[in-house]
Amino acid sequence: MCLCEFPNVPYEVKTILMKNTTGETNLDKLIANMEPVLNEGEYVFATVSNTTAIPRAITICEVKEKEGTTVVLKKEDAERLGVAYEFIASWITLNIHSALEAVGLTAAFATALGKHNISCNVIAGYYHDHIFVAVKDRDKAMEVLKTMS
C-alpha cells in the first residue's frame, strides 16, 4: 500500500492505516506472540456446485476449485440448509497479524500439531491464520499451540 492511495486523508490517519496493514514477518516474533484463540462452535467443510442458496453472511470461507466450491460454515447452518458434510472441526484463530509473505509459521505449528497426531486445515486471512482441527482434538491443539508461544 502506498500513502499516495489516500490523497484526501490527513497524514496522521495515513500512518495509522499503514501500521494496521503491515503484518509481522519475523518467525520468532510470530511464534512467540501468536496467541491462539478457540472460536465457539463447530464448523464443517462442504463442497457445493452452486453457492446461490448459501447466504454470504454465514460463510466463514469459500474456495473455488474445479470440482466445486468448498465452503466453511457453522455446523448448524449447514444442517439448516441441508448441506452435506463429513468433517466437524473446531476453529482456532492465531491473533498475531501475520504477513501473507511470512515464511515458516504454518510449517511450525503444523509440525507441532503433527507430532501430536493432530491434523490441521489452515486458511490464511489478510490479518490472521485460522486453523481448523477435529473437534476431538481442539483442547490438545490449543495446549500445543499455547506451549509453542
C-alpha atoms as a PDB file:
ATOM      1  CA  MET A   1       0.000   0.000   0.000  1.00  0.00           C
ATOM      2  CA  CYS A   2       1.204   3.461  -0.837  1.00  0.00           C
ATOM      3  CA  LEU A   3       0.355   6.590   1.160  1.00  0.00           C
ATOM      4  CA  CYS A   4      -0.473   8.240  -2.167  1.00  0.00           C
ATOM      5  CA  GLU A   5      -3.539   5.968  -2.420  1.00  0.00           C
ATOM      6  CA  PHE A   6      -5.236   8.252   0.117  1.00  0.00           C
ATOM      7  CA  PRO A   7      -4.896  11.770  -1.332  1.00  0.00           C
ATOM      8  CA  ASN A   8      -7.608  13.376   0.845  1.00  0.00           C
ATOM      9  CA  VAL A   9      -6.722  11.674   4.132  1.00  0.00           C
ATOM     10  CA  PRO A  10      -4.572  13.507   6.717  1.00  0.00           C
ATOM     11  CA  TYR A  11      -1.014  12.187   7.106  1.00  0.00           C
ATOM     12  CA  GLU A  12      -1.654  11.059  10.710  1.00  0.00           C
ATOM     13  CA  VAL A  13      -4.548   8.880   9.583  1.00  0.00           C
ATOM     14  CA  LYS A  14      -2.484   7.537   6.669  1.00  0.00           C
ATOM     15  CA  THR A  15       0.242   6.348   9.021  1.00  0.00           C
ATOM     16  CA  ILE A  16      -2.343   4.601  11.190  1.00  0.00           C
ATOM     17  CA  LEU A  17      -3.746   2.909   8.094  1.00  0.00           C
ATOM     18  CA  MET A  18      -0.257   1.824   7.093  1.00  0.00           C
ATOM     19  CA  LYS A  19       0.517   0.430  10.553  1.00  0.00           C
ATOM     20  CA  ASN A  20      -2.725  -1.546  10.604  1.00  0.00           C
ATOM     21  CA  THR A  21      -1.986  -3.282   7.314  1.00  0.00           C
ATOM     22  CA  THR A  22       1.625  -4.301   7.907  1.00  0.00           C
ATOM     23  CA  GLY A  23       1.872  -7.871   9.124  1.00  0.00           C
ATOM     24  CA  GLU A  24       4.696  -9.468  11.074  1.00  0.00           C
ATOM     25  CA  THR A  25       7.274 -11.457   9.098  1.00  0.00           C
ATOM     26  CA  ASN A  26       9.774 -12.418  11.831  1.00  0.00           C
ATOM     27  CA  LEU A  27       9.154 -16.096  12.601  1.00  0.00           C
ATOM     28  CA  ASP A  28      10.391 -15.914  16.198  1.00  0.00           C
ATOM     29  CA  LYS A  29       8.033 -12.996  16.912  1.00  0.00           C
ATOM     30  CA  LEU A  30       5.152 -14.726  15.131  1.00  0.00           C
ATOM     31  CA  ILE A  31       5.511 -17.875  17.219  1.00  0.00           C
ATOM     32  CA  ALA A  32       6.125 -16.043  20.500  1.00  0.00           C
ATOM     33  CA  ASN A  33       3.084 -13.800  20.019  1.00  0.00           C
ATOM     34  CA  MET A  34       0.663 -15.961  18.036  1.00  0.00           C
ATOM     35  CA  GLU A  35      -1.958 -16.049  20.846  1.00  0.00           C
ATOM     36  CA  PRO A  36      -4.246 -18.906  19.775  1.00  0.00           C
ATOM     37  CA  VAL A  37      -7.951 -18.308  20.425  1.00  0.00           C
ATOM     38  CA  LEU A  38     -10.578 -21.029  20.221  1.00  0.00           C
ATOM     39  CA  ASN A  39     -13.704 -19.722  18.484  1.00  0.00           C
ATOM     40  CA  GLU A  40     -17.001 -21.014  19.838  1.00  0.00           C
ATOM     41  CA  GLY A  41     -18.994 -23.535  17.866  1.00  0.00           C
ATOM     42  CA  GLU A  42     -18.472 -26.396  15.467  1.00  0.00           C
ATOM     43  CA  TYR A  43     -17.631 -25.871  11.800  1.00  0.00           C
ATOM     44  CA  VAL A  44     -17.797 -28.008   8.682  1.00  0.00           C
ATOM     45  CA  PHE A  45     -16.151 -28.058   5.283  1.00  0.00           C
ATOM     46  CA  ALA A  46     -18.550 -28.868   2.457  1.00  0.00           C
ATOM     47  CA  THR A  47     -18.400 -28.809  -1.298  1.00  0.00           C
ATOM     48  CA  VAL A  48     -21.234 -27.415  -3.372  1.00  0.00           C
ATOM     49  CA  SER A  49     -21.722 -26.908  -7.088  1.00  0.00           C
ATOM     50  CA  ASN A  50     -23.936 -23.861  -6.630  1.00  0.00           C
ATOM     51  CA  THR A  51     -23.392 -21.264  -3.889  1.00  0.00           C
ATOM     52  CA  THR A  52     -26.514 -19.188  -4.558  1.00  0.00           C
ATOM     53  CA  ALA A  53     -28.501 -20.989  -1.827  1.00  0.00           C
ATOM     54  CA  ILE A  54     -25.848 -20.177   0.792  1.00  0.00           C
ATOM     55  CA  PRO A  55     -26.001 -16.610   2.140  1.00  0.00           C
ATOM     56  CA  ARG A  56     -22.542 -14.960   2.082  1.00  0.00           C
ATOM     57  CA  ALA A  57     -23.194 -13.658   5.603  1.00  0.00           C
ATOM     58  CA  ILE A  58     -22.934 -17.183   7.060  1.00  0.00           C
ATOM     59  CA  THR A  59     -19.867 -18.466   5.219  1.00  0.00           C
ATOM     60  CA  ILE A  60     -16.558 -18.406   7.044  1.00  0.00           C
ATOM     61  CA  CYS A  61     -14.643 -19.029   3.839  1.00  0.00           C
ATOM     62  CA  GLU A  62     -15.095 -20.116   0.239  1.00  0.00           C
ATOM     63  CA  VAL A  63     -12.550 -21.685  -2.091  1.00  0.00           C
ATOM     64  CA  LYS A  64     -13.382 -22.212  -5.737  1.00  0.00           C
ATOM     65  CA  GLU A  65     -11.966 -25.460  -7.120  1.00  0.00           C
ATOM     66  CA  LYS A  66     -12.560 -27.119 -10.473  1.00  0.00           C
ATOM     67  CA  GLU A  67     -14.627 -29.855  -8.771  1.00  0.00           C
ATOM     68  CA  GLY A  68     -16.858 -27.401  -6.917  1.00  0.00           C
ATOM     69  CA  THR A  69     -16.770 -24.665  -4.306  1.00  0.00           C
ATOM     70  CA  THR A  70     -15.604 -25.550  -0.821  1.00  0.00           C
ATOM     71  CA  VAL A  71     -17.448 -23.628   1.881  1.00  0.00           C
ATOM     72  CA  VAL A  72     -16.734 -23.476   5.586  1.00  0.00           C
ATOM     73  CA  LEU A  73     -19.871 -22.982   7.660  1.00  0.00           C
ATOM     74  CA  LYS A  74     -21.104 -23.376  11.194  1.00  0.00           C
ATOM     75  CA  LYS A  75     -22.368 -26.925  11.563  1.00  0.00           C
ATOM     76  CA  GLU A  76     -25.882 -25.766  12.462  1.00  0.00           C
ATOM     77  CA  ASP A  77     -26.051 -23.557   9.345  1.00  0.00           C
ATOM     78  CA  ALA A  78     -25.020 -26.468   7.125  1.00  0.00           C
ATOM     79  CA  GLU A  79     -27.662 -28.675   8.719  1.00  0.00           C
ATOM     80  CA  ARG A  80     -30.350 -25.981   8.411  1.00  0.00           C
ATOM     81  CA  LEU A  81     -29.537 -25.586   4.694  1.00  0.00           C
ATOM     82  CA  GLY A  82     -29.271 -29.341   4.062  1.00  0.00           C
ATOM     83  CA  VAL A  83     -25.599 -29.109   3.057  1.00  0.00           C
ATOM     84  CA  ALA A  84     -23.804 -32.454   3.379  1.00  0.00           C
ATOM     85  CA  TYR A  85     -20.504 -32.615   5.248  1.00  0.00           C
ATOM     86  CA  GLU A  86     -18.126 -35.230   6.643  1.00  0.00           C
ATOM     87  CA  PHE A  87     -15.651 -33.386   8.863  1.00  0.00           C
ATOM     88  CA  ILE A  88     -16.634 -31.476  12.016  1.00  0.00           C
ATOM     89  CA  ALA A  89     -13.985 -29.026  13.158  1.00  0.00           C
ATOM     90  CA  SER A  90     -13.110 -26.521  15.816  1.00  0.00           C
ATOM     91  CA  TRP A  91     -11.758 -23.163  14.646  1.00  0.00           C
ATOM     92  CA  ILE A  92      -8.634 -21.660  16.196  1.00  0.00           C
ATOM     93  CA  THR A  93      -7.508 -18.148  15.259  1.00  0.00           C
ATOM     94  CA  LEU A  94      -3.928 -17.019  15.771  1.00  0.00           C
ATOM     95  CA  ASN A  95      -4.322 -13.436  16.959  1.00  0.00           C
ATOM     96  CA  ILE A  96      -0.960 -12.231  15.646  1.00  0.00           C
ATOM     97  CA  HIS A  97      -1.194 -10.151  12.458  1.00  0.00           C
ATOM     98  CA  SER A  98       0.956 -12.342  10.259  1.00  0.00           C
ATOM     99  CA  ALA A  99       2.080 -11.014   6.911  1.00  0.00           C
ATOM    100  CA  LEU A 100       0.966 -13.056   3.939  1.00  0.00           C
ATOM    101  CA  GLU A 101       4.605 -13.304   2.836  1.00  0.00           C
ATOM    102  CA  ALA A 102       5.813 -14.519   6.254  1.00  0.00           C
ATOM    103  CA  VAL A 103       7.817 -17.743   5.990  1.00  0.00           C
ATOM    104  CA  GLY A 104       7.621 -20.696   8.356  1.00  0.00           C
ATOM    105  CA  LEU A 105       4.675 -20.069  10.674  1.00  0.00           C
ATOM    106  CA  THR A 106       2.359 -22.618   9.064  1.00  0.00           C
ATOM    107  CA  ALA A 107       5.163 -25.179   8.938  1.00  0.00           C
ATOM    108  CA  ALA A 108       5.997 -24.571  12.604  1.00  0.00           C
ATOM    109  CA  PHE A 109       2.511 -25.057  14.014  1.00  0.00           C
ATOM    110  CA  ALA A 110       1.593 -27.832  11.567  1.00  0.00           C
ATOM    111  CA  THR A 111       4.723 -29.732  12.577  1.00  0.00           C
ATOM    112  CA  ALA A 112       4.000 -29.240  16.289  1.00  0.00           C
ATOM    113  CA  LEU A 113       0.398 -30.398  15.861  1.00  0.00           C
ATOM    114  CA  GLY A 114       1.506 -33.309  13.658  1.00  0.00           C
ATOM    115  CA  LYS A 115       3.837 -34.557  16.410  1.00  0.00           C
ATOM    116  CA  HIS A 116       0.675 -34.978  18.488  1.00  0.00           C
ATOM    117  CA  ASN A 117      -1.181 -36.685  15.616  1.00  0.00           C
ATOM    118  CA  ILE A 118      -3.448 -33.668  15.125  1.00  0.00           C
ATOM    119  CA  SER A 119      -4.459 -32.885  11.566  1.00  0.00           C
ATOM    120  CA  CYS A 120      -4.970 -29.233  10.724  1.00  0.00           C
ATOM    121  CA  ASN A 121      -6.588 -27.376   7.866  1.00  0.00           C
ATOM    122  CA  VAL A 122      -5.263 -23.843   7.528  1.00  0.00           C
ATOM    123  CA  ILE A 123      -6.823 -20.759   5.997  1.00  0.00           C
ATOM    124  CA  ALA A 124      -4.763 -17.591   5.816  1.00  0.00           C
ATOM    125  CA  GLY A 125      -6.766 -14.405   6.059  1.00  0.00           C
ATOM    126  CA  TYR A 126      -5.289 -10.983   5.440  1.00  0.00           C
ATOM    127  CA  TYR A 127      -4.647 -10.421   9.150  1.00  0.00           C
ATOM    128  CA  HIS A 128      -4.610 -13.843  10.799  1.00  0.00           C
ATOM    129  CA  ASP A 129      -4.083 -17.544  10.272  1.00  0.00           C
ATOM    130  CA  HIS A 130      -7.059 -19.761  11.021  1.00  0.00           C
ATOM    131  CA  ILE A 131      -6.610 -23.413  11.945  1.00  0.00           C
ATOM    132  CA  PHE A 132      -9.380 -25.984  11.783  1.00  0.00           C
ATOM    133  CA  VAL A 133      -8.848 -29.177  13.777  1.00  0.00           C
ATOM    134  CA  ALA A 134     -11.137 -32.115  14.523  1.00  0.00           C
ATOM    135  CA  VAL A 135     -13.451 -31.285  17.425  1.00  0.00           C
ATOM    136  CA  LYS A 136     -11.997 -34.176  19.424  1.00  0.00           C
ATOM    137  CA  ASP A 137      -8.522 -32.604  19.127  1.00  0.00           C
ATOM    138  CA  ARG A 138      -9.383 -28.988  19.988  1.00  0.00           C
ATOM    139  CA  ASP A 139      -8.204 -28.989  23.609  1.00  0.00           C
ATOM    140  CA  LYS A 140      -4.931 -30.752  22.815  1.00  0.00           C
ATOM    141  CA  ALA A 141      -4.369 -28.455  19.813  1.00  0.00           C
ATOM    142  CA  MET A 142      -4.854 -25.397  21.996  1.00  0.00           C
ATOM    143  CA  GLU A 143      -2.411 -26.818  24.552  1.00  0.00           C
ATOM    144  CA  VAL A 144       0.197 -27.481  21.852  1.00  0.00           C
ATOM    145  CA  LEU A 145      -0.188 -24.007  20.318  1.00  0.00           C
ATOM    146  CA  LYS A 146      -0.064 -22.246  23.686  1.00  0.00           C
ATOM    147  CA  THR A 147       3.064 -24.231  24.606  1.00  0.00           C
ATOM    148  CA  MET A 148       4.719 -23.025  21.393  1.00  0.00           C
ATOM    149  CA  SER A 149       4.093 -19.393  22.272  1.00  0.00           C
END
